[in-house]
Amino acid sequence: MKSFLAVGIGGFSGAICRYSLGLALSNNGGFPFATLCINLIGCFCLAWLFTTFTKRTPIILGICTGFFGAFTTFSTFSLETLLLLQDSKWLQAVLYILVSVFGGLACAWLGFKLAKGRIV
């Protein structure tokens, strides 16, 4: 039961942080910069935390599954990509997809490597 409560509290906090950061970062020229930053930060932090703290205690589940699960957003990424395509912003859409996917993988790799203490 503690894990469910921790995930719920973490999810609430992550959603509030995502919303707040989304307001603070502007989407210049219609490019979804805020969501991109949020997702890249989330990829790095989640990989670092799950690698550093291998025991899945309620607090770790609350932070990783709850907070970062609600903080990052694949659904918003998908919708924003469709909106770019609908507005015929093909280059921005492709750039957004590539940076999101490969940047997310790179950030997760970097978080993993930092947690393991070996960056090279």
C-alpha atoms as a PDB file:
ATOM      1  CA  MET A   1       0.000   0.000   0.000  1.00  0.00           C
ATOM      2  CA  LYS A   2       2.917   2.339   0.698  1.00  0.00           C
ATOM      3  CA  SER A   3       4.114   1.975  -2.888  1.00  0.00           C
ATOM      4  CA  PHE A   4       0.697   2.946  -4.287  1.00  0.00           C
ATOM      5  CA  LEU A   5       0.577   6.021  -2.082  1.00  0.00           C
ATOM      6  CA  ALA A   6       4.154   6.992  -2.988  1.00  0.00           C
ATOM      7  CA  VAL A   7       3.461   6.609  -6.720  1.00  0.00           C
ATOM      8  CA  GLY A   8       0.284   8.685  -6.378  1.00  0.00           C
ATOM      9  CA  ILE A   9       2.011  11.500  -4.506  1.00  0.00           C
ATOM     10  CA  GLY A  10       4.926  11.368  -6.936  1.00  0.00           C
ATOM     11  CA  GLY A  11       2.563  11.442  -9.911  1.00  0.00           C
ATOM     12  CA  PHE A  12       0.727  14.459  -8.556  1.00  0.00           C
ATOM     13  CA  SER A  13       4.003  16.286  -7.967  1.00  0.00           C
ATOM     14  CA  GLY A  14       5.418  15.330 -11.369  1.00  0.00           C
ATOM     15  CA  ALA A  15       2.320  16.557 -13.195  1.00  0.00           C
ATOM     16  CA  ILE A  16       2.416  19.885 -11.341  1.00  0.00           C
ATOM     17  CA  CYS A  17       6.125  20.291 -12.128  1.00  0.00           C
ATOM     18  CA  ARG A  18       5.570  19.452 -15.798  1.00  0.00           C
ATOM     19  CA  TYR A  19       2.764  21.982 -16.038  1.00  0.00           C
ATOM     20  CA  SER A  20       4.821  24.670 -14.267  1.00  0.00           C
ATOM     21  CA  LEU A  21       7.921  24.083 -16.384  1.00  0.00           C
ATOM     22  CA  GLY A  22       5.773  24.056 -19.516  1.00  0.00           C
ATOM     23  CA  LEU A  23       4.502  27.513 -18.585  1.00  0.00           C
ATOM     24  CA  ALA A  24       8.004  28.778 -17.823  1.00  0.00           C
ATOM     25  CA  LEU A  25       9.530  27.601 -21.112  1.00  0.00           C
ATOM     26  CA  SER A  26       8.125  29.150 -24.232  1.00  0.00           C
ATOM     27  CA  ASN A  27       7.479  27.298 -27.464  1.00  0.00           C
ATOM     28  CA  ASN A  28       9.258  29.645 -29.857  1.00  0.00           C
ATOM     29  CA  GLY A  29       7.934  29.602 -33.395  1.00  0.00           C
ATOM     30  CA  GLY A  30       5.498  26.835 -32.589  1.00  0.00           C
ATOM     31  CA  PHE A  31       8.299  24.347 -31.872  1.00  0.00           C
ATOM     32  CA  PRO A  32       7.455  22.295 -28.746  1.00  0.00           C
ATOM     33  CA  PHE A  33      10.626  23.250 -26.884  1.00  0.00           C
ATOM     34  CA  ALA A  34       9.047  22.872 -23.428  1.00  0.00           C
ATOM     35  CA  THR A  35       7.943  19.270 -23.930  1.00  0.00           C
ATOM     36  CA  LEU A  36      11.273  18.394 -25.515  1.00  0.00           C
ATOM     37  CA  CYS A  37      13.197  19.757 -22.520  1.00  0.00           C
ATOM     38  CA  ILE A  38      10.876  18.075 -20.037  1.00  0.00           C
ATOM     39  CA  ASN A  39      11.208  14.696 -21.748  1.00  0.00           C
ATOM     40  CA  LEU A  40      15.002  14.919 -22.101  1.00  0.00           C
ATOM     41  CA  ILE A  41      15.388  15.874 -18.431  1.00  0.00           C
ATOM     42  CA  GLY A  42      13.087  13.014 -17.472  1.00  0.00           C
ATOM     43  CA  CYS A  43      15.050  10.480 -19.559  1.00  0.00           C
ATOM     44  CA  PHE A  44      18.301  11.469 -17.897  1.00  0.00           C
ATOM     45  CA  CYS A  45      16.948  11.565 -14.337  1.00  0.00           C
ATOM     46  CA  LEU A  46      14.973   8.335 -14.582  1.00  0.00           C
ATOM     47  CA  ALA A  47      17.929   6.375 -15.967  1.00  0.00           C
ATOM     48  CA  TRP A  48      20.246   7.839 -13.324  1.00  0.00           C
ATOM     49  CA  LEU A  49      17.857   7.094 -10.461  1.00  0.00           C
ATOM     50  CA  PHE A  50      16.936   3.558 -11.522  1.00  0.00           C
ATOM     51  CA  THR A  51      20.615   2.740 -12.045  1.00  0.00           C
ATOM     52  CA  THR A  52      21.754   4.320  -8.789  1.00  0.00           C
ATOM     53  CA  PHE A  53      18.964   2.930  -6.601  1.00  0.00           C
ATOM     54  CA  THR A  54      18.433  -0.677  -7.658  1.00  0.00           C
ATOM     55  CA  LYS A  55      16.214  -1.539  -4.685  1.00  0.00           C
ATOM     56  CA  ARG A  56      12.661  -0.521  -5.583  1.00  0.00           C
ATOM     57  CA  THR A  57      11.548   0.943  -2.263  1.00  0.00           C
ATOM     58  CA  PRO A  58       8.291   2.901  -2.065  1.00  0.00           C
ATOM     59  CA  ILE A  59      10.203   6.211  -2.160  1.00  0.00           C
ATOM     60  CA  ILE A  60      12.141   5.180  -5.286  1.00  0.00           C
ATOM     61  CA  LEU A  61       8.929   4.011  -6.947  1.00  0.00           C
ATOM     62  CA  GLY A  62       7.271   7.275  -5.941  1.00  0.00           C
ATOM     63  CA  ILE A  63      10.050   9.318  -7.521  1.00  0.00           C
ATOM     64  CA  CYS A  64      10.746   7.188 -10.590  1.00  0.00           C
ATOM     65  CA  THR A  65       7.395   5.707 -11.533  1.00  0.00           C
ATOM     66  CA  GLY A  66       5.212   8.409  -9.999  1.00  0.00           C
ATOM     67  CA  PHE A  67       7.073  11.675 -10.396  1.00  0.00           C
ATOM     68  CA  PHE A  68       8.969  11.036 -13.631  1.00  0.00           C
ATOM     69  CA  GLY A  69       6.132   8.993 -15.089  1.00  0.00           C
ATOM     70  CA  ALA A  70       3.875  12.030 -14.753  1.00  0.00           C
ATOM     71  CA  PHE A  71       6.611  14.572 -15.483  1.00  0.00           C
ATOM     72  CA  THR A  72       7.480  13.154 -18.892  1.00  0.00           C
ATOM     73  CA  THR A  73       4.848  12.823 -21.565  1.00  0.00           C
ATOM     74  CA  PHE A  74       4.754  10.683 -24.673  1.00  0.00           C
ATOM     75  CA  SER A  75       1.157  11.629 -25.427  1.00  0.00           C
ATOM     76  CA  THR A  76       1.970  15.351 -25.598  1.00  0.00           C
ATOM     77  CA  PHE A  77       4.991  14.587 -27.789  1.00  0.00           C
ATOM     78  CA  SER A  78       2.730  12.639 -30.150  1.00  0.00           C
ATOM     79  CA  LEU A  79       0.054  15.332 -30.284  1.00  0.00           C
ATOM     80  CA  GLU A  80       2.564  18.136 -30.820  1.00  0.00           C
ATOM     81  CA  THR A  81       4.159  16.157 -33.643  1.00  0.00           C
ATOM     82  CA  LEU A  82       0.770  15.736 -35.303  1.00  0.00           C
ATOM     83  CA  LEU A  83       0.053  19.462 -34.910  1.00  0.00           C
ATOM     84  CA  LEU A  84       3.366  20.335 -36.561  1.00  0.00           C
ATOM     85  CA  LEU A  85       2.523  18.009 -39.456  1.00  0.00           C
ATOM     86  CA  GLN A  86      -0.992  19.448 -39.696  1.00  0.00           C
ATOM     87  CA  ASP A  87       0.552  22.928 -39.992  1.00  0.00           C
ATOM     88  CA  SER A  88       2.854  21.630 -42.758  1.00  0.00           C
ATOM     89  CA  LYS A  89       5.912  22.188 -40.568  1.00  0.00           C
ATOM     90  CA  TRP A  90       7.518  18.985 -41.850  1.00  0.00           C
ATOM     91  CA  LEU A  91      11.093  19.893 -41.046  1.00  0.00           C
ATOM     92  CA  GLN A  92      10.222  20.911 -37.476  1.00  0.00           C
ATOM     93  CA  ALA A  93       8.213  17.698 -37.018  1.00  0.00           C
ATOM     94  CA  VAL A  94      11.057  15.502 -38.233  1.00  0.00           C
ATOM     95  CA  LEU A  95      13.561  17.444 -36.129  1.00  0.00           C
ATOM     96  CA  TYR A  96      11.297  17.108 -33.078  1.00  0.00           C
ATOM     97  CA  ILE A  97      10.951  13.349 -33.585  1.00  0.00           C
ATOM     98  CA  LEU A  98      14.677  12.807 -34.116  1.00  0.00           C
ATOM     99  CA  VAL A  99      15.809  14.975 -31.203  1.00  0.00           C
ATOM    100  CA  SER A 100      13.153  13.488 -28.911  1.00  0.00           C
ATOM    101  CA  VAL A 101      13.984   9.873 -29.672  1.00  0.00           C
ATOM    102  CA  PHE A 102      17.746  10.044 -30.090  1.00  0.00           C
ATOM    103  CA  GLY A 103      18.188  12.819 -27.539  1.00  0.00           C
ATOM    104  CA  GLY A 104      16.109  10.830 -25.048  1.00  0.00           C
ATOM    105  CA  LEU A 105      18.223   7.749 -25.614  1.00  0.00           C
ATOM    106  CA  ALA A 106      21.409   9.806 -25.280  1.00  0.00           C
ATOM    107  CA  CYS A 107      20.182  11.405 -22.046  1.00  0.00           C
ATOM    108  CA  ALA A 108      19.186   8.012 -20.620  1.00  0.00           C
ATOM    109  CA  TRP A 109      22.597   6.600 -21.611  1.00  0.00           C
ATOM    110  CA  LEU A 110      24.342   9.568 -19.974  1.00  0.00           C
ATOM    111  CA  GLY A 111      22.292   9.135 -16.780  1.00  0.00           C
ATOM    112  CA  PHE A 112      23.117   5.421 -16.735  1.00  0.00           C
ATOM    113  CA  LYS A 113      26.831   6.081 -17.287  1.00  0.00           C
ATOM    114  CA  LEU A 114      26.955   8.794 -14.602  1.00  0.00           C
ATOM    115  CA  ALA A 115      25.256   6.483 -12.122  1.00  0.00           C
ATOM    116  CA  LYS A 116      27.770   3.743 -12.913  1.00  0.00           C
ATOM    117  CA  GLY A 117      30.614   6.265 -12.508  1.00  0.00           C
ATOM    118  CA  ARG A 118      32.011   5.801 -15.977  1.00  0.00           C
ATOM    119  CA  ILE A 119      31.513   8.411 -18.645  1.00  0.00           C
ATOM    120  CA  VAL A 120      33.382   7.515 -21.807  1.00  0.00           C
END
